[in-house]
Protein backbone atom coordinates (compact mmCIF):
# COMPACT_ATOMS: atom_id res chain seq x y z
CA UNK A 1 161.69 135.68 36.56
CA UNK A 2 159.33 135.17 33.54
CA UNK A 3 156.67 137.31 35.13
CA UNK A 4 159.02 140.18 36.02
CA UNK A 5 160.53 140.20 32.46
CA UNK A 6 157.07 140.33 30.73
CA UNK A 7 154.93 142.17 33.28
CA UNK A 8 155.40 145.67 31.68
CA UNK A 9 154.72 144.46 28.17
CA UNK A 10 151.70 142.49 29.32
CA UNK A 11 150.34 145.61 31.08
CA UNK A 12 150.72 147.59 27.79
CA UNK A 13 148.75 144.93 26.07
CA UNK A 14 146.02 145.02 28.63
CA UNK A 15 145.89 148.86 28.53
CA UNK A 16 145.06 148.75 24.84
CA UNK A 17 141.71 147.38 25.87
CA UNK A 18 141.23 148.36 29.46
CA UNK A 19 141.61 152.08 30.04
CA UNK A 20 142.22 151.88 33.80
CA UNK A 21 145.79 151.02 34.75
CA UNK A 22 144.85 149.29 38.06
CA UNK A 23 142.26 147.05 36.39
CA UNK A 24 144.82 146.30 33.51
CA UNK A 25 147.40 145.28 36.05
CA UNK A 26 144.87 143.09 37.87
CA UNK A 27 144.02 141.35 34.59
CA UNK A 28 147.73 140.75 33.93
CA UNK A 29 148.20 139.27 37.41
CA UNK A 30 145.08 137.16 37.14
CA UNK A 31 146.20 135.89 33.72
CA UNK A 32 149.60 134.81 35.06
CA UNK A 33 148.11 133.14 38.09
CA UNK A 34 145.61 131.35 35.93
CA UNK A 35 148.44 130.04 33.63
CA UNK A 36 150.53 129.12 36.61
CA UNK A 37 147.68 127.14 38.15
CA UNK A 38 147.03 125.38 34.78
CA UNK A 39 150.68 124.92 33.83
CA UNK A 40 150.56 121.18 33.94
CA UNK A 41 147.46 120.99 31.70
CA UNK A 42 148.57 123.51 28.98
CA UNK A 43 149.90 122.58 25.60
CA UNK A 44 151.83 125.63 24.41
CA UNK A 45 152.81 125.37 20.80
CA UNK A 46 154.40 128.83 20.57
CA UNK A 47 156.69 130.70 22.80
CA UNK A 48 155.59 131.09 26.36
CA UNK A 49 155.79 134.84 26.07
CA UNK A 50 153.48 134.90 23.01
CA UNK A 51 151.06 132.54 24.73
CA UNK A 52 151.08 134.81 27.88
CA UNK A 53 150.51 137.93 25.85
CA UNK A 54 147.66 136.41 23.85
CA UNK A 55 146.06 135.26 27.11
CA UNK A 56 146.34 138.74 28.51
CA UNK A 57 144.79 140.16 25.36
CA UNK A 58 141.87 137.59 25.55
CA UNK A 59 141.27 138.22 29.26
CA UNK A 60 141.29 141.94 28.66
CA UNK A 61 138.71 141.69 25.91
CA UNK A 62 136.59 139.45 28.19
CA UNK A 63 136.87 142.04 30.97
CA UNK A 64 135.76 144.87 28.80
CA UNK A 65 132.77 142.82 27.52
CA UNK A 66 131.75 141.94 31.08
CA UNK A 67 131.96 145.59 32.12
CA UNK A 68 129.89 146.67 29.09
CA UNK A 69 127.32 144.04 29.79
CA UNK A 70 127.17 145.05 33.42
CA UNK A 71 126.50 148.75 32.47
CA UNK A 72 123.91 147.67 29.94
CA UNK A 73 122.03 145.71 32.55
CA UNK A 74 122.17 148.67 34.98
CA UNK A 75 120.89 150.97 32.32
CA UNK A 76 118.09 148.60 31.32
CA UNK A 77 117.02 148.29 34.91
CA UNK A 78 117.15 152.07 35.29
CA UNK A 79 115.11 152.43 32.07
CA UNK A 80 112.50 149.91 33.37
CA UNK A 81 112.31 151.70 36.64
CA UNK A 82 111.82 154.99 34.99
CA UNK A 83 109.23 153.76 32.47
CA UNK A 84 107.30 151.52 34.92
CA UNK A 85 106.30 154.54 36.98
CA UNK A 86 102.64 155.44 36.31
CA UNK A 87 103.49 159.07 35.64
CA UNK A 88 106.14 158.08 33.12
CA UNK A 89 109.49 159.65 33.85
CA UNK A 90 110.38 160.96 37.25
CA UNK A 91 112.21 164.29 37.41
CA UNK A 92 114.80 165.21 39.90
CA UNK A 93 112.30 167.50 41.58
CA UNK A 94 109.72 164.79 41.91
CA UNK A 95 112.28 162.52 43.40
CA UNK A 96 113.29 165.35 45.80
CA UNK A 97 109.73 165.61 47.04
CA UNK A 98 109.68 161.80 47.76
CA UNK A 99 112.90 161.96 49.58
CA UNK A 100 111.76 164.97 51.54
CA UNK A 101 108.50 163.27 52.49
CA UNK A 102 110.45 160.17 53.61
CA UNK A 103 112.77 162.25 55.74
CA UNK A 104 109.77 164.02 57.24
CA UNK A 105 108.47 160.57 58.46
CA UNK A 106 111.68 159.99 60.52
CA UNK A 107 111.45 160.40 64.25
CA UNK A 108 112.27 163.97 65.16
CA UNK A 109 115.73 163.51 66.65
CA UNK A 110 116.62 161.02 64.04
CA UNK A 111 115.57 163.50 61.30
CA UNK A 112 117.54 166.28 62.92
CA UNK A 113 120.73 164.16 63.05
CA UNK A 114 120.29 162.90 59.44
CA UNK A 115 119.87 166.44 58.13
CA UNK A 116 122.85 167.70 60.05
CA UNK A 117 124.92 164.92 58.43
CA UNK A 118 123.67 165.28 54.88
CA UNK A 119 122.60 168.90 54.51
CA UNK A 120 125.16 170.58 56.81
CA UNK A 121 127.84 167.88 56.02
CA UNK A 122 128.75 167.55 59.72
CA UNK A 123 130.77 164.57 60.96
CA UNK A 124 129.34 162.23 63.56
CA UNK A 125 131.63 163.73 66.08
CA UNK A 126 130.58 167.29 65.27
CA UNK A 127 126.93 166.31 65.53
CA UNK A 128 127.50 164.54 68.82
CA UNK A 129 129.29 167.66 70.25
CA UNK A 130 126.62 169.96 68.92
CA UNK A 131 123.74 167.98 70.45
CA UNK A 132 125.55 166.77 73.60
CA UNK A 133 125.14 163.14 72.64
CA UNK A 134 127.58 160.27 72.31
CA UNK A 135 129.02 159.37 68.86
CA UNK A 136 127.36 155.81 69.28
CA UNK A 137 123.98 157.55 69.67
CA UNK A 138 124.61 159.42 66.45
CA UNK A 139 125.56 156.22 64.65
CA UNK A 140 122.51 154.39 65.98
CA UNK A 141 120.19 157.25 64.90
CA UNK A 142 121.81 157.32 61.42
CA UNK A 143 121.32 153.56 61.16
CA UNK A 144 117.60 154.02 61.97
CA UNK A 145 117.40 156.81 59.44
CA UNK A 146 119.00 154.73 56.65
CA UNK A 147 116.87 151.72 57.39
CA UNK A 148 113.69 153.72 57.27
CA UNK A 149 114.73 155.71 54.12
CA UNK A 150 115.65 152.47 52.37
CA UNK A 151 112.27 151.02 53.14
CA UNK A 152 110.35 154.07 52.09
CA UNK A 153 112.47 154.62 48.86
CA UNK A 154 113.02 151.05 47.80
CA UNK A 155 110.97 151.46 44.70
CA UNK A 156 113.18 154.38 43.58
CA UNK A 157 116.51 152.73 44.38
CA UNK A 158 117.96 152.96 40.88
CA UNK A 159 116.85 156.65 40.61
CA UNK A 160 118.96 157.49 43.54
CA UNK A 161 122.10 156.37 41.51
CA UNK A 162 121.12 159.04 38.85
CA UNK A 163 120.32 161.65 41.44
CA UNK A 164 122.44 161.04 44.54
CA UNK A 165 120.89 161.98 47.83
CA UNK A 166 123.32 164.78 48.61
CA UNK A 167 122.39 166.44 45.34
CA UNK A 168 118.68 165.93 46.02
CA UNK A 169 118.82 167.45 49.47
CA UNK A 170 120.67 170.65 48.36
């Protein structure tokens, strides 16, 4: 009963800090669950509603701070990857050349299937029909392609977040 009565208000509190409704609702639910699990250990000196809303506010702020730190770490790693390259910064074109060379190293059928999937945007079923192969064969060949490309491009992993593969291949 308490949760139902205060859920909407708690979500509004969370939304002041977290700009995504689903994430705000998750924080409210996690806060309620945490308080329920610790109910025998808590000393509440104010109203339960005030305590709950303050806990939602605190968890929301913690959530935002964790998200901010996560993005800062990703950006730092990306900056280190970009600056650690001997030629300084990689451009999209240079990365495209590396990806293209890696794709060229794939076995011929594997390369053909991979390009049909990524460049032509065909589904596995469409590729299988077009080549007269089974869908499982297509899946296996794509698995081989992914594995080899991961190995060839592992040093440039974070750059692929900046320049997604589909954009590079177009």
